[in-house]
Amino acid sequence: MATDQDMQDKIDAAVFRRLLKHLQDRTDVQNIDLMGYGGFCRNCFYKWYAEEAAELGVDVSKEEAQQRVYGMSYDEYKEQYQTPATEEQMRRMEISVAKNKVAKANG
């Protein structure tokens, strides 16, 4: 790719904002399904957001990171959109969490 780092950062930021918007628009997709199939969820994103901010010397609270990722408070999101997990969702999530541990150990 023939872009300088500044342009790459702008593209990366735009893609991140687009992904956040997509996740905020698709409230029908449960976190447990994201975790079960993709190995990450909105909760992972808000934690990564706060961690990366800290790496850059910016203090972002848990609540601020949740607001950024969810587009509202986490409590409000849970109340409006989160449904109880099924046994199958829990099974897929447990498999995914185990895969994440292996990937982290190898990475």
N, C-alpha and C. Protein backbone atom coordinates (compact mmCIF):
# COMPACT_ATOMS: atom_id res chain seq x y z
N MET A 1 0.85 -1.17 0.00
CA MET A 1 0.00 0.00 0.00
C MET A 1 0.90 1.23 0.00
N ALA A 2 0.57 2.16 -0.85
CA ALA A 2 1.42 3.34 -1.01
C ALA A 2 0.83 4.54 -0.29
N THR A 3 0.72 4.44 1.03
CA THR A 3 0.24 5.58 1.81
C THR A 3 1.24 5.85 2.93
N ASP A 4 1.30 7.13 3.31
CA ASP A 4 2.17 7.44 4.44
C ASP A 4 1.44 7.11 5.74
N GLN A 5 2.16 7.14 6.84
CA GLN A 5 1.59 6.75 8.12
C GLN A 5 0.42 7.63 8.54
N ASP A 6 0.51 8.93 8.26
CA ASP A 6 -0.58 9.84 8.62
C ASP A 6 -1.87 9.45 7.89
N MET A 7 -1.76 9.15 6.60
CA MET A 7 -2.94 8.75 5.84
C MET A 7 -3.44 7.40 6.33
N GLN A 8 -2.54 6.48 6.63
CA GLN A 8 -2.96 5.17 7.14
C GLN A 8 -3.71 5.33 8.46
N ASP A 9 -3.22 6.21 9.33
CA ASP A 9 -3.92 6.47 10.59
C ASP A 9 -5.31 7.04 10.36
N LYS A 10 -5.44 7.93 9.39
CA LYS A 10 -6.76 8.51 9.08
C LYS A 10 -7.71 7.44 8.55
N ILE A 11 -7.21 6.58 7.69
CA ILE A 11 -8.04 5.49 7.17
C ILE A 11 -8.45 4.56 8.29
N ASP A 12 -7.48 4.16 9.12
CA ASP A 12 -7.77 3.27 10.25
C ASP A 12 -8.83 3.89 11.17
N ALA A 13 -8.70 5.17 11.46
CA ALA A 13 -9.67 5.85 12.33
C ALA A 13 -11.05 5.88 11.70
N ALA A 14 -11.11 6.13 10.40
CA ALA A 14 -12.40 6.17 9.71
C ALA A 14 -13.07 4.80 9.73
N VAL A 15 -12.28 3.76 9.52
CA VAL A 15 -12.82 2.40 9.55
C VAL A 15 -13.32 2.06 10.96
N PHE A 16 -12.57 2.46 11.98
CA PHE A 16 -12.99 2.22 13.36
C PHE A 16 -14.32 2.92 13.64
N ARG A 17 -14.44 4.19 13.23
CA ARG A 17 -15.70 4.92 13.45
C ARG A 17 -16.85 4.24 12.71
N ARG A 18 -16.57 3.74 11.53
CA ARG A 18 -17.61 3.05 10.76
C ARG A 18 -18.03 1.76 11.45
N LEU A 19 -17.07 1.02 12.00
CA LEU A 19 -17.39 -0.21 12.73
C LEU A 19 -18.21 0.10 13.98
N LEU A 20 -17.83 1.13 14.72
CA LEU A 20 -18.61 1.52 15.90
C LEU A 20 -20.04 1.86 15.51
N LYS A 21 -20.21 2.63 14.46
CA LYS A 21 -21.56 3.01 13.99
C LYS A 21 -22.35 1.76 13.62
N HIS A 22 -21.70 0.84 12.94
CA HIS A 22 -22.37 -0.40 12.54
C HIS A 22 -22.84 -1.17 13.78
N LEU A 23 -21.97 -1.31 14.78
CA LEU A 23 -22.35 -2.03 16.00
C LEU A 23 -23.45 -1.29 16.76
N GLN A 24 -23.42 0.03 16.73
CA GLN A 24 -24.48 0.80 17.40
C GLN A 24 -25.81 0.67 16.66
N ASP A 25 -25.75 0.56 15.36
CA ASP A 25 -26.97 0.41 14.56
C ASP A 25 -27.54 -1.00 14.66
N ARG A 26 -26.68 -1.98 14.85
CA ARG A 26 -27.12 -3.38 14.86
C ARG A 26 -27.29 -3.90 16.28
N THR A 27 -28.19 -3.25 17.00
CA THR A 27 -28.45 -3.65 18.38
C THR A 27 -29.12 -5.03 18.46
N ASP A 28 -29.59 -5.53 17.31
CA ASP A 28 -30.17 -6.87 17.30
C ASP A 28 -29.11 -7.96 17.44
N VAL A 29 -27.86 -7.62 17.18
CA VAL A 29 -26.77 -8.58 17.32
C VAL A 29 -26.27 -8.52 18.76
N GLN A 30 -26.45 -9.60 19.47
CA GLN A 30 -26.09 -9.66 20.87
C GLN A 30 -24.57 -9.78 21.05
N ASN A 31 -24.06 -9.21 22.13
CA ASN A 31 -22.64 -9.34 22.44
C ASN A 31 -22.21 -10.80 22.51
N ILE A 32 -23.04 -11.63 23.10
CA ILE A 32 -22.67 -13.03 23.26
C ILE A 32 -22.53 -13.71 21.90
N ASP A 33 -23.31 -13.28 20.90
CA ASP A 33 -23.16 -13.84 19.55
C ASP A 33 -21.88 -13.35 18.90
N LEU A 34 -21.57 -12.08 19.07
CA LEU A 34 -20.30 -11.56 18.55
C LEU A 34 -19.14 -12.34 19.16
N MET A 35 -19.19 -12.54 20.47
CA MET A 35 -18.13 -13.25 21.17
C MET A 35 -18.07 -14.70 20.72
N GLY A 36 -19.22 -15.33 20.60
CA GLY A 36 -19.29 -16.75 20.24
C GLY A 36 -18.77 -17.03 18.84
N TYR A 37 -19.02 -16.11 17.93
CA TYR A 37 -18.61 -16.34 16.54
C TYR A 37 -17.32 -15.62 16.18
N GLY A 38 -17.10 -14.43 16.74
CA GLY A 38 -15.95 -13.64 16.34
C GLY A 38 -14.83 -13.54 17.35
N GLY A 39 -15.09 -13.94 18.58
CA GLY A 39 -14.05 -13.88 19.59
C GLY A 39 -13.87 -12.52 20.22
N PHE A 40 -14.78 -11.60 19.95
CA PHE A 40 -14.75 -10.27 20.55
C PHE A 40 -16.18 -9.74 20.58
N CYS A 41 -16.39 -8.70 21.38
CA CYS A 41 -17.71 -8.08 21.44
C CYS A 41 -17.56 -6.60 21.78
N ARG A 42 -18.66 -5.94 21.96
CA ARG A 42 -18.62 -4.52 22.29
C ARG A 42 -17.86 -4.28 23.60
N ASN A 43 -17.98 -5.21 24.55
CA ASN A 43 -17.25 -5.06 25.81
C ASN A 43 -15.74 -5.11 25.57
N CYS A 44 -15.31 -6.00 24.69
CA CYS A 44 -13.88 -6.04 24.34
C CYS A 44 -13.47 -4.70 23.77
N PHE A 45 -14.29 -4.15 22.87
CA PHE A 45 -13.96 -2.87 22.23
C PHE A 45 -13.80 -1.75 23.25
N TYR A 46 -14.73 -1.65 24.19
CA TYR A 46 -14.59 -0.53 25.13
C TYR A 46 -13.36 -0.70 25.99
N LYS A 47 -13.03 -1.94 26.34
CA LYS A 47 -11.81 -2.17 27.12
C LYS A 47 -10.58 -1.85 26.30
N TRP A 48 -10.54 -2.26 25.03
CA TRP A 48 -9.42 -1.94 24.15
C TRP A 48 -9.29 -0.43 23.98
N TYR A 49 -10.44 0.23 23.86
CA TYR A 49 -10.45 1.69 23.68
C TYR A 49 -9.76 2.37 24.87
N ALA A 50 -10.16 2.00 26.07
CA ALA A 50 -9.58 2.59 27.28
C ALA A 50 -8.09 2.23 27.41
N GLU A 51 -7.73 1.00 27.08
CA GLU A 51 -6.33 0.57 27.16
C GLU A 51 -5.45 1.35 26.18
N GLU A 52 -5.92 1.51 24.95
CA GLU A 52 -5.13 2.23 23.94
C GLU A 52 -5.03 3.72 24.31
N ALA A 53 -6.10 4.27 24.86
CA ALA A 53 -6.03 5.66 25.31
C ALA A 53 -4.97 5.81 26.40
N ALA A 54 -4.96 4.87 27.34
CA ALA A 54 -3.96 4.90 28.41
C ALA A 54 -2.55 4.80 27.85
N GLU A 55 -2.36 3.97 26.84
CA GLU A 55 -1.05 3.84 26.19
C GLU A 55 -0.59 5.17 25.61
N LEU A 56 -1.55 5.99 25.19
CA LEU A 56 -1.24 7.31 24.62
C LEU A 56 -1.23 8.41 25.68
N GLY A 57 -1.39 8.02 26.95
CA GLY A 57 -1.36 8.98 28.04
C GLY A 57 -2.66 9.72 28.25
N VAL A 58 -3.75 9.17 27.74
CA VAL A 58 -5.07 9.80 27.88
C VAL A 58 -5.89 8.97 28.85
N ASP A 59 -6.43 9.63 29.87
CA ASP A 59 -7.25 8.95 30.87
C ASP A 59 -8.69 8.90 30.38
N VAL A 60 -9.16 7.71 30.06
CA VAL A 60 -10.54 7.50 29.64
C VAL A 60 -11.17 6.54 30.65
N SER A 61 -12.24 6.97 31.29
CA SER A 61 -12.90 6.12 32.27
C SER A 61 -13.63 4.97 31.58
N LYS A 62 -13.93 3.96 32.36
CA LYS A 62 -14.71 2.82 31.86
C LYS A 62 -16.03 3.31 31.27
N GLU A 63 -16.70 4.20 31.97
CA GLU A 63 -17.99 4.72 31.53
C GLU A 63 -17.85 5.51 30.23
N GLU A 64 -16.79 6.30 30.11
CA GLU A 64 -16.57 7.07 28.88
C GLU A 64 -16.32 6.13 27.70
N ALA A 65 -15.54 5.09 27.93
CA ALA A 65 -15.26 4.12 26.87
C ALA A 65 -16.53 3.37 26.48
N GLN A 66 -17.33 3.00 27.45
CA GLN A 66 -18.60 2.33 27.15
C GLN A 66 -19.51 3.24 26.33
N GLN A 67 -19.61 4.49 26.72
CA GLN A 67 -20.43 5.47 26.00
C GLN A 67 -19.97 5.58 24.54
N ARG A 68 -18.65 5.60 24.34
CA ARG A 68 -18.10 5.72 22.99
C ARG A 68 -18.46 4.52 22.13
N VAL A 69 -18.35 3.34 22.69
CA VAL A 69 -18.60 2.12 21.93
C VAL A 69 -20.08 1.84 21.77
N TYR A 70 -20.83 1.97 22.84
CA TYR A 70 -22.26 1.64 22.80
C TYR A 70 -23.13 2.78 22.26
N GLY A 71 -22.62 3.99 22.29
CA GLY A 71 -23.43 5.14 21.87
C GLY A 71 -24.42 5.56 22.93
N MET A 72 -24.30 4.98 24.12
CA MET A 72 -25.15 5.27 25.28
C MET A 72 -24.49 4.60 26.47
N SER A 73 -25.05 4.79 27.65
CA SER A 73 -24.47 4.10 28.80
C SER A 73 -24.68 2.60 28.66
N TYR A 74 -23.79 1.85 29.26
CA TYR A 74 -23.90 0.39 29.20
C TYR A 74 -25.19 -0.09 29.85
N ASP A 75 -25.54 0.51 30.99
CA ASP A 75 -26.79 0.13 31.66
C ASP A 75 -28.00 0.37 30.77
N GLU A 76 -28.01 1.50 30.08
CA GLU A 76 -29.11 1.82 29.17
C GLU A 76 -29.15 0.81 28.02
N TYR A 77 -27.98 0.48 27.47
CA TYR A 77 -27.91 -0.49 26.38
C TYR A 77 -28.46 -1.84 26.84
N LYS A 78 -27.99 -2.31 27.99
CA LYS A 78 -28.44 -3.62 28.49
C LYS A 78 -29.96 -3.63 28.67
N GLU A 79 -30.48 -2.57 29.25
CA GLU A 79 -31.91 -2.49 29.50
C GLU A 79 -32.72 -2.53 28.20
N GLN A 80 -32.24 -1.83 27.20
CA GLN A 80 -32.99 -1.71 25.95
C GLN A 80 -32.80 -2.89 24.99
N TYR A 81 -31.60 -3.49 24.97
CA TYR A 81 -31.28 -4.40 23.87
C TYR A 81 -30.80 -5.79 24.27
N GLN A 82 -30.26 -5.96 25.46
CA GLN A 82 -29.68 -7.26 25.81
C GLN A 82 -30.77 -8.24 26.21
N THR A 83 -30.67 -9.43 25.65
CA THR A 83 -31.62 -10.50 25.97
C THR A 83 -30.90 -11.60 26.74
N PRO A 84 -31.62 -12.43 27.46
CA PRO A 84 -30.97 -13.52 28.19
C PRO A 84 -30.26 -14.48 27.22
N ALA A 85 -29.12 -14.97 27.64
CA ALA A 85 -28.34 -15.90 26.81
C ALA A 85 -28.96 -17.29 26.83
N THR A 86 -28.91 -17.93 25.67
CA THR A 86 -29.36 -19.32 25.58
C THR A 86 -28.20 -20.24 25.93
N GLU A 87 -28.50 -21.50 26.15
CA GLU A 87 -27.45 -22.48 26.43
C GLU A 87 -26.49 -22.58 25.24
N GLU A 88 -27.02 -22.54 24.03
CA GLU A 88 -26.18 -22.63 22.83
C GLU A 88 -25.25 -21.42 22.72
N GLN A 89 -25.76 -20.23 23.00
CA GLN A 89 -24.92 -19.03 22.98
C GLN A 89 -23.79 -19.14 24.01
N MET A 90 -24.12 -19.63 25.19
CA MET A 90 -23.10 -19.79 26.24
C MET A 90 -22.05 -20.82 25.81
N ARG A 91 -22.47 -21.91 25.17
CA ARG A 91 -21.55 -22.94 24.72
C ARG A 91 -20.59 -22.36 23.68
N ARG A 92 -21.12 -21.64 22.69
CA ARG A 92 -20.28 -21.04 21.66
C ARG A 92 -19.30 -20.04 22.26
N MET A 93 -19.79 -19.24 23.22
CA MET A 93 -18.92 -18.26 23.85
C MET A 93 -17.78 -18.94 24.61
N GLU A 94 -18.07 -19.99 25.34
CA GLU A 94 -17.03 -20.71 26.08
C GLU A 94 -15.96 -21.25 25.13
N ILE A 95 -16.37 -21.79 24.00
CA ILE A 95 -15.42 -22.29 22.99
C ILE A 95 -14.57 -21.14 22.47
N SER A 96 -15.21 -20.02 22.21
CA SER A 96 -14.51 -18.86 21.67
C SER A 96 -13.51 -18.30 22.67
N VAL A 97 -13.90 -18.22 23.93
CA VAL A 97 -12.99 -17.72 24.97
C VAL A 97 -11.77 -18.63 25.07
N ALA A 98 -11.98 -19.93 24.98
CA ALA A 98 -10.86 -20.88 25.01
C ALA A 98 -9.93 -20.65 23.82
N LYS A 99 -10.49 -20.41 22.64
CA LYS A 99 -9.69 -20.14 21.46
C LYS A 99 -8.90 -18.85 21.62
N ASN A 100 -9.52 -17.84 22.23
CA ASN A 100 -8.81 -16.57 22.48
C ASN A 100 -7.61 -16.80 23.39
N LYS A 101 -7.76 -17.63 24.40
CA LYS A 101 -6.64 -17.90 25.31
C LYS A 101 -5.48 -18.56 24.58
N VAL A 102 -5.79 -19.50 23.68
CA VAL A 102 -4.76 -20.16 22.89
C VAL A 102 -4.08 -19.13 21.97
N ALA A 103 -4.88 -18.33 21.31
CA ALA A 103 -4.33 -17.33 20.39
C ALA A 103 -3.44 -16.34 21.13
N LYS A 104 -3.87 -15.91 22.31
CA LYS A 104 -3.07 -14.96 23.11
C LYS A 104 -1.76 -15.60 23.55
N ALA A 105 -1.81 -16.86 23.92
CA ALA A 105 -0.61 -17.56 24.36
C ALA A 105 0.38 -17.74 23.20
N ASN A 106 -0.14 -17.86 21.99
CA ASN A 106 0.72 -18.06 20.82
C ASN A 106 1.17 -16.75 20.19
N GLY A 107 0.53 -15.64 20.60
CA GLY A 107 0.82 -14.36 19.95
C GLY A 107 1.72 -13.53 20.74
